[in-house]
Amino acid sequence: MDSISRRHNSFQHEDYFGHHDVHGYSSNYRGNTQREPNQYVPDNENCALFVVDLPPTVTVPAFLSTIRNTGRIYSLHINLPEPERGNNTCAAKLVFFECRAAETFYFRQQAAGLDLPGHGSGCVARVNWNRVRIPESAAPYHHTRVLIISGPKHVVNPATLWGHFQAKIESDLGQIVVLREGERDGMVEDRFASYRAQAEAAKSFSSPR
């Protein structure tokens, strides 16, 4: 079996990255960025990545569509551009459930960078290890950020569910795909951007009590 060694990316220039610092800190952060965060999470157990130089128009579904045959994604959060600070691209924090998946994604992108189709050849993002380290999730192997929802058609449809979730869940919601649309009932696949903050929350307030 091939072995994978882990090392931190060499991109370290904070003046260049601005609020899209390679380590994952925002310029609005007022804490001590020099301390070692998450000191109890070793480098080789880190599941968090930080992606810089993403197109300013990138969306959660577009980003997630580039990740295939890698492993379960725990969460994705996109930081929007801040032109007033000289930052004209997006950045993203990407977390996987398992370390192996994070390593696979990281090493796949090191040669040529991450190219997002439809955003022009000039936008090639770079993937780095996030300084704010996150360990593997203890969630069961069959848990994901994607929910299959079925029920009455007047409730289980993209427009109704989207409005329902937007009223209760903050941040990027991802994508809703219709799987079945009958005369009375429907079934959709809701691809959230986050497992715990969104999918688990949505499941808790959508399930019968």
N, C-alpha and C. Protein backbone atom coordinates (compact mmCIF):
# COMPACT_ATOMS: atom_id res chain seq x y z
N MET A 1 0.85 -1.20 0.00
CA MET A 1 0.00 0.00 0.00
C MET A 1 0.88 1.24 0.00
N ASP A 2 0.54 2.21 -0.83
CA ASP A 2 1.31 3.44 -0.87
C ASP A 2 1.15 4.20 0.44
N SER A 3 2.21 4.81 0.89
CA SER A 3 2.13 5.61 2.10
C SER A 3 2.09 7.08 1.72
N ILE A 4 1.46 7.86 2.56
CA ILE A 4 1.36 9.30 2.32
C ILE A 4 1.98 10.02 3.50
N SER A 5 2.94 10.85 3.23
CA SER A 5 3.53 11.65 4.29
C SER A 5 2.89 13.02 4.26
N ARG A 6 2.73 13.62 5.41
CA ARG A 6 2.07 14.92 5.49
C ARG A 6 3.08 16.00 5.79
N ARG A 7 2.93 17.11 5.11
CA ARG A 7 3.76 18.27 5.41
C ARG A 7 2.93 19.51 5.14
N HIS A 8 3.28 20.60 5.79
CA HIS A 8 2.55 21.84 5.59
C HIS A 8 2.97 22.50 4.29
N ASN A 9 2.03 23.17 3.65
CA ASN A 9 2.33 23.89 2.43
C ASN A 9 3.24 25.06 2.74
N SER A 10 4.03 25.47 1.75
CA SER A 10 5.02 26.52 1.99
C SER A 10 4.47 27.93 1.85
N PHE A 11 3.22 28.11 1.39
CA PHE A 11 2.67 29.46 1.25
C PHE A 11 2.46 30.07 2.63
N GLN A 12 3.20 31.12 2.95
CA GLN A 12 3.12 31.70 4.28
C GLN A 12 2.98 33.22 4.27
N HIS A 13 2.95 33.86 3.11
CA HIS A 13 3.02 35.31 3.05
C HIS A 13 1.68 35.94 3.39
N GLU A 14 1.53 36.45 4.62
CA GLU A 14 0.25 36.97 5.07
C GLU A 14 -0.11 38.27 4.36
N ASP A 15 0.90 39.08 3.96
CA ASP A 15 0.58 40.33 3.27
C ASP A 15 -0.10 40.04 1.94
N TYR A 16 0.27 38.94 1.30
CA TYR A 16 -0.32 38.60 0.01
C TYR A 16 -1.75 38.10 0.18
N PHE A 17 -1.96 37.25 1.17
CA PHE A 17 -3.26 36.63 1.32
C PHE A 17 -4.26 37.52 2.05
N GLY A 18 -3.80 38.50 2.84
CA GLY A 18 -4.72 39.38 3.54
C GLY A 18 -5.66 38.59 4.43
N HIS A 19 -6.98 38.86 4.33
CA HIS A 19 -7.93 38.16 5.19
C HIS A 19 -8.09 36.71 4.76
N HIS A 20 -7.52 36.35 3.61
CA HIS A 20 -7.53 34.97 3.17
C HIS A 20 -6.20 34.33 3.53
N ASP A 21 -5.72 34.63 4.73
CA ASP A 21 -4.47 34.07 5.20
C ASP A 21 -4.47 32.57 5.03
N VAL A 22 -3.36 32.02 4.59
CA VAL A 22 -3.25 30.60 4.33
C VAL A 22 -3.59 29.77 5.56
N HIS A 23 -3.43 30.34 6.75
CA HIS A 23 -3.68 29.58 7.97
C HIS A 23 -5.15 29.52 8.34
N GLY A 24 -5.98 30.29 7.68
CA GLY A 24 -7.40 30.21 7.98
C GLY A 24 -7.90 31.28 8.91
N TYR A 25 -7.07 32.26 9.27
CA TYR A 25 -7.53 33.35 10.12
C TYR A 25 -8.04 34.50 9.26
N SER A 26 -9.09 35.16 9.71
CA SER A 26 -9.58 36.35 9.05
C SER A 26 -8.83 37.56 9.58
N SER A 27 -8.76 38.62 8.77
CA SER A 27 -8.11 39.84 9.23
C SER A 27 -8.93 40.49 10.35
N ASN A 28 -10.19 40.07 10.50
CA ASN A 28 -11.03 40.60 11.56
C ASN A 28 -10.78 39.91 12.90
N TYR A 29 -10.00 38.82 12.87
CA TYR A 29 -9.73 38.08 14.10
C TYR A 29 -8.82 38.90 15.00
N ARG A 30 -9.19 39.02 16.28
CA ARG A 30 -8.43 39.86 17.21
C ARG A 30 -7.68 39.04 18.26
N GLY A 31 -7.67 37.74 18.10
CA GLY A 31 -6.94 36.89 19.04
C GLY A 31 -5.47 36.81 18.67
N ASN A 32 -4.74 35.96 19.37
CA ASN A 32 -3.31 35.79 19.13
C ASN A 32 -3.09 34.75 18.04
N THR A 33 -2.75 35.20 16.84
CA THR A 33 -2.56 34.27 15.72
C THR A 33 -1.22 33.55 15.80
N GLN A 34 -0.37 33.94 16.74
CA GLN A 34 0.94 33.31 16.85
C GLN A 34 0.91 32.08 17.76
N ARG A 35 -0.14 31.95 18.56
CA ARG A 35 -0.20 30.78 19.43
C ARG A 35 -0.52 29.54 18.60
N GLU A 36 -0.24 28.39 19.13
CA GLU A 36 -0.51 27.14 18.42
C GLU A 36 -1.94 26.71 18.71
N PRO A 37 -2.86 26.87 17.74
CA PRO A 37 -4.25 26.51 17.99
C PRO A 37 -4.44 25.01 18.01
N ASN A 38 -5.49 24.60 18.68
CA ASN A 38 -5.82 23.18 18.72
C ASN A 38 -4.59 22.33 19.01
N GLN A 39 -3.88 22.67 20.08
CA GLN A 39 -2.59 22.04 20.36
C GLN A 39 -2.72 20.55 20.62
N TYR A 40 -3.91 20.06 20.90
CA TYR A 40 -4.07 18.64 21.17
C TYR A 40 -4.43 17.85 19.93
N VAL A 41 -4.48 18.51 18.78
CA VAL A 41 -4.74 17.82 17.51
C VAL A 41 -3.44 17.79 16.71
N PRO A 42 -2.78 16.64 16.60
CA PRO A 42 -1.52 16.55 15.84
C PRO A 42 -1.73 16.88 14.36
N ASP A 43 -0.67 17.31 13.71
CA ASP A 43 -0.75 17.63 12.28
C ASP A 43 -1.31 16.47 11.47
N ASN A 44 -0.87 15.25 11.81
CA ASN A 44 -1.28 14.11 10.99
C ASN A 44 -2.68 13.62 11.30
N GLU A 45 -3.40 14.35 12.16
CA GLU A 45 -4.80 14.03 12.43
C GLU A 45 -5.73 15.17 12.02
N ASN A 46 -5.17 16.14 11.32
CA ASN A 46 -5.94 17.32 10.91
C ASN A 46 -6.81 17.00 9.69
N CYS A 47 -8.09 17.34 9.79
CA CYS A 47 -9.03 17.11 8.69
C CYS A 47 -9.44 18.41 8.00
N ALA A 48 -8.83 19.54 8.40
CA ALA A 48 -9.25 20.84 7.90
C ALA A 48 -8.26 21.41 6.89
N LEU A 49 -8.81 21.95 5.81
CA LEU A 49 -8.01 22.56 4.75
C LEU A 49 -8.48 24.00 4.53
N PHE A 50 -7.59 24.81 3.97
CA PHE A 50 -7.94 26.19 3.63
C PHE A 50 -7.60 26.41 2.16
N VAL A 51 -8.58 26.85 1.39
CA VAL A 51 -8.42 27.00 -0.06
C VAL A 51 -8.45 28.49 -0.40
N VAL A 52 -7.43 28.97 -1.09
CA VAL A 52 -7.34 30.39 -1.45
C VAL A 52 -7.37 30.57 -2.96
N ASP A 53 -7.62 31.82 -3.38
CA ASP A 53 -7.67 32.19 -4.79
C ASP A 53 -8.83 31.54 -5.54
N LEU A 54 -9.94 31.36 -4.85
CA LEU A 54 -11.14 30.87 -5.52
C LEU A 54 -11.80 32.01 -6.30
N PRO A 55 -12.50 31.71 -7.38
CA PRO A 55 -13.17 32.75 -8.15
C PRO A 55 -14.15 33.54 -7.27
N PRO A 56 -14.31 34.83 -7.51
CA PRO A 56 -15.22 35.64 -6.69
C PRO A 56 -16.68 35.24 -6.83
N THR A 57 -17.00 34.49 -7.88
CA THR A 57 -18.38 34.08 -8.12
C THR A 57 -18.64 32.63 -7.71
N VAL A 58 -17.69 31.99 -7.07
CA VAL A 58 -17.85 30.59 -6.73
C VAL A 58 -19.00 30.39 -5.74
N THR A 59 -19.70 29.28 -5.89
CA THR A 59 -20.80 28.94 -5.00
C THR A 59 -20.50 27.62 -4.31
N VAL A 60 -21.25 27.32 -3.27
CA VAL A 60 -21.06 26.05 -2.56
C VAL A 60 -21.27 24.86 -3.50
N PRO A 61 -22.38 24.80 -4.27
CA PRO A 61 -22.56 23.66 -5.18
C PRO A 61 -21.44 23.53 -6.21
N ALA A 62 -20.96 24.67 -6.74
CA ALA A 62 -19.89 24.62 -7.75
C ALA A 62 -18.60 24.07 -7.14
N PHE A 63 -18.28 24.51 -5.95
CA PHE A 63 -17.07 24.03 -5.29
C PHE A 63 -17.18 22.53 -4.99
N LEU A 64 -18.31 22.14 -4.41
CA LEU A 64 -18.48 20.73 -4.04
C LEU A 64 -18.50 19.81 -5.25
N SER A 65 -18.91 20.32 -6.40
CA SER A 65 -18.97 19.49 -7.60
C SER A 65 -17.58 19.06 -8.08
N THR A 66 -16.53 19.74 -7.60
CA THR A 66 -15.17 19.39 -8.01
C THR A 66 -14.58 18.29 -7.14
N ILE A 67 -15.27 17.92 -6.06
CA ILE A 67 -14.74 16.92 -5.12
C ILE A 67 -15.44 15.60 -5.35
N ARG A 68 -14.73 14.64 -5.92
CA ARG A 68 -15.30 13.34 -6.23
C ARG A 68 -14.34 12.23 -5.81
N ASN A 69 -14.91 11.10 -5.37
CA ASN A 69 -14.10 9.93 -5.02
C ASN A 69 -13.00 10.28 -4.02
N THR A 70 -13.38 11.04 -3.02
CA THR A 70 -12.40 11.48 -2.02
C THR A 70 -12.77 11.01 -0.63
N GLY A 71 -14.00 11.24 -0.22
CA GLY A 71 -14.45 10.90 1.12
C GLY A 71 -15.53 11.86 1.57
N ARG A 72 -16.10 11.59 2.72
CA ARG A 72 -17.20 12.42 3.22
C ARG A 72 -16.72 13.82 3.61
N ILE A 73 -17.48 14.82 3.17
CA ILE A 73 -17.18 16.21 3.52
C ILE A 73 -17.99 16.58 4.75
N TYR A 74 -17.30 17.06 5.77
CA TYR A 74 -17.98 17.46 7.01
C TYR A 74 -18.59 18.85 6.87
N SER A 75 -17.82 19.78 6.31
CA SER A 75 -18.36 21.14 6.16
C SER A 75 -17.54 21.93 5.14
N LEU A 76 -18.21 22.92 4.58
CA LEU A 76 -17.56 23.87 3.67
C LEU A 76 -18.11 25.25 3.96
N HIS A 77 -17.21 26.20 4.17
CA HIS A 77 -17.63 27.59 4.37
C HIS A 77 -16.81 28.48 3.46
N ILE A 78 -17.48 29.30 2.67
CA ILE A 78 -16.81 30.19 1.73
C ILE A 78 -16.76 31.61 2.28
N ASN A 79 -15.56 32.18 2.29
CA ASN A 79 -15.37 33.59 2.65
C ASN A 79 -15.46 34.43 1.38
N LEU A 80 -16.35 35.39 1.37
CA LEU A 80 -16.55 36.23 0.20
C LEU A 80 -15.43 37.24 0.03
N PRO A 81 -15.26 37.79 -1.18
CA PRO A 81 -14.22 38.80 -1.41
C PRO A 81 -14.47 40.05 -0.57
N GLU A 82 -13.41 40.78 -0.30
CA GLU A 82 -13.49 42.07 0.38
C GLU A 82 -12.67 43.07 -0.44
N PRO A 83 -13.26 43.60 -1.52
CA PRO A 83 -12.52 44.50 -2.41
C PRO A 83 -11.93 45.70 -1.69
N GLU A 84 -12.62 46.19 -0.66
CA GLU A 84 -12.12 47.35 0.06
C GLU A 84 -10.81 47.06 0.79
N ARG A 85 -10.51 45.78 0.98
CA ARG A 85 -9.25 45.36 1.60
C ARG A 85 -8.26 44.85 0.56
N GLY A 86 -8.64 44.94 -0.70
CA GLY A 86 -7.76 44.46 -1.76
C GLY A 86 -7.86 42.98 -2.01
N ASN A 87 -8.89 42.33 -1.46
CA ASN A 87 -9.08 40.90 -1.65
C ASN A 87 -10.23 40.68 -2.64
N ASN A 88 -9.89 40.27 -3.84
CA ASN A 88 -10.89 40.14 -4.89
C ASN A 88 -11.27 38.70 -5.20
N THR A 89 -10.77 37.76 -4.41
CA THR A 89 -11.11 36.36 -4.61
C THR A 89 -11.75 35.79 -3.34
N CYS A 90 -12.34 34.62 -3.49
CA CYS A 90 -12.92 33.94 -2.34
C CYS A 90 -11.90 32.98 -1.73
N ALA A 91 -12.16 32.61 -0.50
CA ALA A 91 -11.38 31.57 0.17
C ALA A 91 -12.38 30.64 0.84
N ALA A 92 -11.95 29.45 1.19
CA ALA A 92 -12.89 28.50 1.78
C ALA A 92 -12.21 27.62 2.82
N LYS A 93 -12.96 27.31 3.86
CA LYS A 93 -12.51 26.33 4.85
C LYS A 93 -13.25 25.04 4.55
N LEU A 94 -12.50 23.99 4.29
CA LEU A 94 -13.06 22.69 3.92
C LEU A 94 -12.62 21.65 4.95
N VAL A 95 -13.60 20.95 5.52
CA VAL A 95 -13.31 19.95 6.54
C VAL A 95 -13.90 18.61 6.12
N PHE A 96 -13.11 17.56 6.23
CA PHE A 96 -13.57 16.21 5.93
C PHE A 96 -13.85 15.45 7.23
N PHE A 97 -14.63 14.39 7.13
CA PHE A 97 -14.90 13.54 8.29
C PHE A 97 -13.64 12.78 8.70
N GLU A 98 -12.87 12.31 7.70
CA GLU A 98 -11.71 11.48 7.98
C GLU A 98 -10.42 12.12 7.46
N CYS A 99 -9.32 11.86 8.17
CA CYS A 99 -8.01 12.39 7.78
C CYS A 99 -7.60 11.90 6.39
N ARG A 100 -7.86 10.63 6.11
CA ARG A 100 -7.44 10.07 4.84
C ARG A 100 -8.07 10.83 3.67
N ALA A 101 -9.33 11.22 3.82
CA ALA A 101 -10.01 11.97 2.76
C ALA A 101 -9.37 13.34 2.58
N ALA A 102 -9.04 14.00 3.70
CA ALA A 102 -8.39 15.31 3.62
C ALA A 102 -7.04 15.20 2.93
N GLU A 103 -6.27 14.17 3.26
CA GLU A 103 -4.97 13.96 2.64
C GLU A 103 -5.11 13.70 1.14
N THR A 104 -6.09 12.89 0.79
CA THR A 104 -6.32 12.58 -0.63
C THR A 104 -6.61 13.84 -1.42
N PHE A 105 -7.51 14.67 -0.90
CA PHE A 105 -7.86 15.91 -1.60
C PHE A 105 -6.65 16.84 -1.68
N TYR A 106 -5.93 16.98 -0.59
CA TYR A 106 -4.77 17.87 -0.56
C TYR A 106 -3.72 17.49 -1.61
N PHE A 107 -3.32 16.23 -1.62
CA PHE A 107 -2.25 15.81 -2.52
C PHE A 107 -2.69 15.79 -3.99
N ARG A 108 -3.97 15.61 -4.24
CA ARG A 108 -4.45 15.66 -5.62
C ARG A 108 -4.28 17.05 -6.23
N GLN A 109 -4.37 18.08 -5.38
CA GLN A 109 -4.37 19.45 -5.89
C GLN A 109 -2.99 20.09 -5.92
N GLN A 110 -1.98 19.43 -5.40
CA GLN A 110 -0.68 20.08 -5.26
C GLN A 110 0.04 20.31 -6.59
N ALA A 111 -0.15 19.45 -7.55
CA ALA A 111 0.58 19.59 -8.81
C ALA A 111 0.08 20.77 -9.65
N ALA A 112 -1.22 20.84 -9.87
CA ALA A 112 -1.76 21.87 -10.78
C ALA A 112 -2.73 22.82 -10.12
N GLY A 113 -3.04 22.62 -8.85
CA GLY A 113 -4.02 23.48 -8.20
C GLY A 113 -5.43 23.00 -8.47
N LEU A 114 -6.39 23.68 -7.89
CA LEU A 114 -7.80 23.31 -8.03
C LEU A 114 -8.46 24.19 -9.08
N ASP A 115 -8.86 23.59 -10.17
CA ASP A 115 -9.48 24.33 -11.28
C ASP A 115 -10.99 24.12 -11.23
N LEU A 116 -11.73 25.23 -11.17
CA LEU A 116 -13.19 25.15 -11.15
C LEU A 116 -13.73 25.41 -12.54
N PRO A 117 -14.33 24.41 -13.19
CA PRO A 117 -14.87 24.57 -14.54
C PRO A 117 -15.88 25.71 -14.60
N GLY A 118 -15.81 26.47 -15.70
CA GLY A 118 -16.77 27.54 -15.89
C GLY A 118 -16.36 28.87 -15.30
N HIS A 119 -15.20 28.90 -14.64
CA HIS A 119 -14.77 30.15 -14.02
C HIS A 119 -13.51 30.72 -14.68
N GLY A 120 -13.16 30.20 -15.84
CA GLY A 120 -12.02 30.74 -16.56
C GLY A 120 -10.71 30.10 -16.15
N SER A 121 -9.78 30.06 -17.10
CA SER A 121 -8.49 29.41 -16.85
C SER A 121 -7.61 30.21 -15.91
N GLY A 122 -7.96 31.48 -15.67
CA GLY A 122 -7.12 32.31 -14.81
C GLY A 122 -7.35 32.09 -13.33
N CYS A 123 -8.37 31.33 -12.97
CA CYS A 123 -8.69 31.10 -11.56
C CYS A 123 -8.34 29.67 -11.17
N VAL A 124 -7.15 29.49 -10.66
CA VAL A 124 -6.72 28.19 -10.16
C VAL A 124 -6.45 28.35 -8.67
N ALA A 125 -7.28 27.72 -7.88
CA ALA A 125 -7.17 27.86 -6.42
C ALA A 125 -6.05 26.99 -5.87
N ARG A 126 -5.58 27.35 -4.68
CA ARG A 126 -4.52 26.60 -4.02
C ARG A 126 -5.02 26.05 -2.69
N VAL A 127 -4.65 24.83 -2.43
CA VAL A 127 -5.13 24.12 -1.25
C VAL A 127 -4.00 24.00 -0.23
N ASN A 128 -4.30 24.37 1.01
CA ASN A 128 -3.32 24.34 2.09
C ASN A 128 -3.93 23.70 3.33
N TRP A 129 -3.10 23.24 4.24
CA TRP A 129 -3.61 22.76 5.52
C TRP A 129 -4.04 23.94 6.36
N ASN A 130 -5.19 23.82 7.01
CA ASN A 130 -5.69 24.89 7.85
C ASN A 130 -4.95 24.88 9.19
N ARG A 131 -4.53 26.05 9.62
CA ARG A 131 -3.81 26.15 10.89
C ARG A 131 -4.71 25.79 12.07
N VAL A 132 -5.99 26.08 11.94
CA VAL A 132 -6.94 25.69 12.98
C VAL A 132 -7.29 24.23 12.74
N ARG A 133 -6.62 23.35 13.43
CA ARG A 133 -6.73 21.92 13.15
C ARG A 133 -8.00 21.32 13.75
N ILE A 134 -8.59 20.40 13.01
CA ILE A 134 -9.82 19.73 13.43
C ILE A 134 -9.62 18.22 13.30
N PRO A 135 -9.92 17.47 14.35
CA PRO A 135 -9.71 16.01 14.29
C PRO A 135 -10.84 15.31 13.55
N GLU A 136 -10.70 14.02 13.37
CA GLU A 136 -11.74 13.23 12.72
C GLU A 136 -13.04 13.28 13.52
N SER A 137 -14.15 13.22 12.81
CA SER A 137 -15.45 13.23 13.46
C SER A 137 -15.77 11.86 14.03
N ALA A 138 -16.50 11.87 15.14
CA ALA A 138 -16.92 10.61 15.76
C ALA A 138 -18.29 10.17 15.26
N ALA A 139 -18.83 10.88 14.27
CA ALA A 139 -20.15 10.55 13.75
C ALA A 139 -20.13 9.16 13.09
N PRO A 140 -21.24 8.42 13.17
CA PRO A 140 -21.31 7.11 12.52
C PRO A 140 -20.98 7.19 11.03
N TYR A 141 -20.46 6.10 10.48
CA TYR A 141 -19.98 6.12 9.09
C TYR A 141 -21.07 6.41 8.09
N HIS A 142 -22.34 6.14 8.44
CA HIS A 142 -23.42 6.37 7.49
C HIS A 142 -24.00 7.78 7.59
N HIS A 143 -23.47 8.60 8.47
CA HIS A 143 -23.93 9.99 8.59
C HIS A 143 -23.18 10.87 7.58
N THR A 144 -23.92 11.76 6.91
CA THR A 144 -23.31 12.69 5.97
C THR A 144 -24.03 14.03 6.07
N ARG A 145 -23.59 14.99 5.27
CA ARG A 145 -24.23 16.31 5.23
C ARG A 145 -25.41 16.32 4.27
N VAL A 146 -25.74 15.17 3.67
CA VAL A 146 -26.83 15.07 2.70
C VAL A 146 -28.02 14.35 3.33
N LEU A 147 -29.20 14.94 3.19
CA LEU A 147 -30.43 14.34 3.70
C LEU A 147 -31.36 13.99 2.55
N ILE A 148 -32.03 12.85 2.66
CA ILE A 148 -33.11 12.48 1.74
C ILE A 148 -34.41 12.77 2.47
N ILE A 149 -35.22 13.64 1.91
CA ILE A 149 -36.46 14.07 2.56
C ILE A 149 -37.64 13.70 1.68
N SER A 150 -38.63 13.04 2.27
CA SER A 150 -39.83 12.67 1.52
C SER A 150 -41.06 13.08 2.32
N GLY A 151 -42.17 13.29 1.61
CA GLY A 151 -43.39 13.69 2.28
C GLY A 151 -44.36 14.33 1.32
N PRO A 152 -45.40 14.98 1.85
CA PRO A 152 -46.41 15.62 1.00
C PRO A 152 -45.78 16.63 0.04
N LYS A 153 -46.28 16.64 -1.18
CA LYS A 153 -45.69 17.46 -2.23
C LYS A 153 -45.71 18.95 -1.90
N HIS A 154 -46.75 19.41 -1.19
CA HIS A 154 -46.83 20.84 -0.90
C HIS A 154 -45.79 21.28 0.13
N VAL A 155 -45.17 20.31 0.79
CA VAL A 155 -44.12 20.61 1.76
C VAL A 155 -42.75 20.24 1.21
N VAL A 156 -42.66 19.04 0.63
CA VAL A 156 -41.38 18.54 0.13
C VAL A 156 -41.18 18.96 -1.32
N ASN A 157 -40.73 20.17 -1.48
CA ASN A 157 -40.36 20.72 -2.78
C ASN A 157 -39.28 21.77 -2.52
N PRO A 158 -38.42 22.05 -3.50
CA PRO A 158 -37.28 22.95 -3.27
C PRO A 158 -37.66 24.32 -2.71
N ALA A 159 -38.70 24.94 -3.26
CA ALA A 159 -39.06 26.30 -2.84
C ALA A 159 -39.48 26.34 -1.37
N THR A 160 -40.35 25.41 -0.97
CA THR A 160 -40.83 25.40 0.41
C THR A 160 -39.72 25.04 1.39
N LEU A 161 -38.97 24.00 1.06
CA LEU A 161 -37.90 23.58 1.96
C LEU A 161 -36.81 24.64 2.06
N TRP A 162 -36.49 25.26 0.94
CA TRP A 162 -35.45 26.29 0.94
C TRP A 162 -35.83 27.44 1.88
N GLY A 163 -37.08 27.89 1.76
CA GLY A 163 -37.54 28.96 2.63
C GLY A 163 -37.56 28.54 4.08
N HIS A 164 -37.96 27.30 4.33
CA HIS A 164 -38.02 26.77 5.70
C HIS A 164 -36.63 26.72 6.32
N PHE A 165 -35.66 26.21 5.57
CA PHE A 165 -34.31 26.07 6.12
C PHE A 165 -33.61 27.43 6.25
N GLN A 166 -33.84 28.32 5.30
CA GLN A 166 -33.20 29.64 5.38
C GLN A 166 -33.66 30.40 6.61
N ALA A 167 -34.88 30.16 7.05
CA ALA A 167 -35.40 30.85 8.23
C ALA A 167 -34.79 30.31 9.52
N LYS A 168 -34.21 29.12 9.46
CA LYS A 168 -33.72 28.47 10.67
C LYS A 168 -32.22 28.23 10.69
N ILE A 169 -31.59 28.20 9.51
CA ILE A 169 -30.17 27.86 9.42
C ILE A 169 -29.41 28.99 8.76
N GLU A 170 -28.33 29.42 9.39
CA GLU A 170 -27.50 30.46 8.82
C GLU A 170 -26.40 29.84 7.95
N SER A 171 -25.77 30.68 7.15
CA SER A 171 -24.65 30.28 6.30
C SER A 171 -25.11 29.62 5.01
N ASP A 172 -24.15 29.07 4.25
CA ASP A 172 -24.42 28.51 2.93
C ASP A 172 -25.26 27.25 3.04
N LEU A 173 -26.31 27.17 2.24
CA LEU A 173 -27.22 26.04 2.34
C LEU A 173 -26.95 24.92 1.33
N GLY A 174 -26.18 25.17 0.32
CA GLY A 174 -25.89 24.10 -0.63
C GLY A 174 -26.90 24.01 -1.74
N GLN A 175 -27.50 22.82 -1.91
CA GLN A 175 -28.33 22.57 -3.09
C GLN A 175 -29.41 21.54 -2.78
N ILE A 176 -30.59 21.73 -3.37
CA ILE A 176 -31.68 20.76 -3.23
C ILE A 176 -31.98 20.17 -4.61
N VAL A 177 -31.95 18.85 -4.70
CA VAL A 177 -32.18 18.15 -5.96
C VAL A 177 -33.45 17.30 -5.84
N VAL A 178 -34.35 17.44 -6.80
CA VAL A 178 -35.59 16.66 -6.80
C VAL A 178 -35.31 15.24 -7.26
N LEU A 179 -35.68 14.26 -6.45
CA LEU A 179 -35.50 12.86 -6.80
C LEU A 179 -36.80 12.25 -7.34
N ARG A 180 -37.92 12.69 -6.78
CA ARG A 180 -39.21 12.17 -7.24
C ARG A 180 -40.27 13.23 -7.01
N GLU A 181 -41.16 13.38 -7.98
CA GLU A 181 -42.24 14.35 -7.87
C GLU A 181 -43.54 13.68 -8.33
N GLY A 182 -44.30 13.17 -7.36
CA GLY A 182 -45.56 12.51 -7.68
C GLY A 182 -46.73 13.47 -7.60
N GLU A 183 -47.92 12.93 -7.74
CA GLU A 183 -49.11 13.78 -7.68
C GLU A 183 -49.34 14.31 -6.27
N ARG A 184 -49.02 13.48 -5.28
CA ARG A 184 -49.29 13.89 -3.90
C ARG A 184 -48.04 14.00 -3.03
N ASP A 185 -47.01 13.27 -3.39
CA ASP A 185 -45.82 13.29 -2.55
C ASP A 185 -44.58 13.60 -3.37
N GLY A 186 -43.51 13.90 -2.66
CA GLY A 186 -42.25 14.21 -3.32
C GLY A 186 -41.08 13.70 -2.52
N MET A 187 -39.92 13.66 -3.16
CA MET A 187 -38.68 13.25 -2.50
C MET A 187 -37.54 14.10 -3.05
N VAL A 188 -36.75 14.66 -2.14
CA VAL A 188 -35.63 15.49 -2.56
C VAL A 188 -34.36 15.06 -1.84
N GLU A 189 -33.24 15.43 -2.43
CA GLU A 189 -31.93 15.24 -1.80
C GLU A 189 -31.40 16.62 -1.45
N ASP A 190 -31.22 16.87 -0.17
CA ASP A 190 -30.75 18.18 0.28
C ASP A 190 -29.27 18.08 0.60
N ARG A 191 -28.46 18.73 -0.22
CA ARG A 191 -27.00 18.68 -0.07
C ARG A 191 -26.53 19.91 0.69
N PHE A 192 -26.51 19.79 2.00
CA PHE A 192 -26.10 20.91 2.84
C PHE A 192 -24.59 21.15 2.74
N ALA A 193 -24.17 22.32 3.20
CA ALA A 193 -22.75 22.64 3.20
C ALA A 193 -22.07 22.16 4.48
N SER A 194 -22.86 21.82 5.50
CA SER A 194 -22.29 21.41 6.77
C SER A 194 -23.09 20.25 7.37
N TYR A 195 -22.39 19.31 7.96
CA TYR A 195 -23.05 18.17 8.60
C TYR A 195 -23.74 18.58 9.90
N ARG A 196 -22.97 19.02 10.87
CA ARG A 196 -23.55 19.29 12.19
C ARG A 196 -24.38 20.56 12.23
N ALA A 197 -23.84 21.65 11.68
CA ALA A 197 -24.52 22.94 11.78
C ALA A 197 -25.78 23.02 10.92
N GLN A 198 -25.86 22.19 9.88
CA GLN A 198 -26.99 22.30 8.96
C GLN A 198 -27.77 20.99 8.83
N ALA A 199 -27.12 19.93 8.35
CA ALA A 199 -27.85 18.68 8.11
C ALA A 199 -28.44 18.11 9.40
N GLU A 200 -27.64 18.05 10.45
CA GLU A 200 -28.13 17.52 11.72
C GLU A 200 -29.21 18.42 12.31
N ALA A 201 -29.00 19.74 12.18
CA ALA A 201 -29.99 20.68 12.68
C ALA A 201 -31.30 20.55 11.91
N ALA A 202 -31.19 20.46 10.58
CA ALA A 202 -32.39 20.33 9.75
C ALA A 202 -33.13 19.04 10.06
N LYS A 203 -32.40 17.97 10.28
CA LYS A 203 -33.02 16.69 10.60
C LYS A 203 -33.77 16.76 11.92
N SER A 204 -33.19 17.48 12.88
CA SER A 204 -33.81 17.55 14.21
C SER A 204 -35.13 18.31 14.19
N PHE A 205 -35.21 19.40 13.41
CA PHE A 205 -36.47 20.14 13.42
C PHE A 205 -37.40 19.76 12.28
N SER A 206 -36.98 18.79 11.45
CA SER A 206 -37.85 18.31 10.38
C SER A 206 -38.48 16.97 10.70
N SER A 207 -37.89 16.23 11.65
CA SER A 207 -38.40 14.91 11.99
C SER A 207 -39.65 15.02 12.86
N PRO A 208 -40.57 14.06 12.73
CA PRO A 208 -41.77 14.06 13.56
C PRO A 208 -41.40 13.95 15.03
N ARG A 209 -42.14 14.63 15.88
CA ARG A 209 -41.88 14.59 17.32
C ARG A 209 -42.96 13.79 18.02
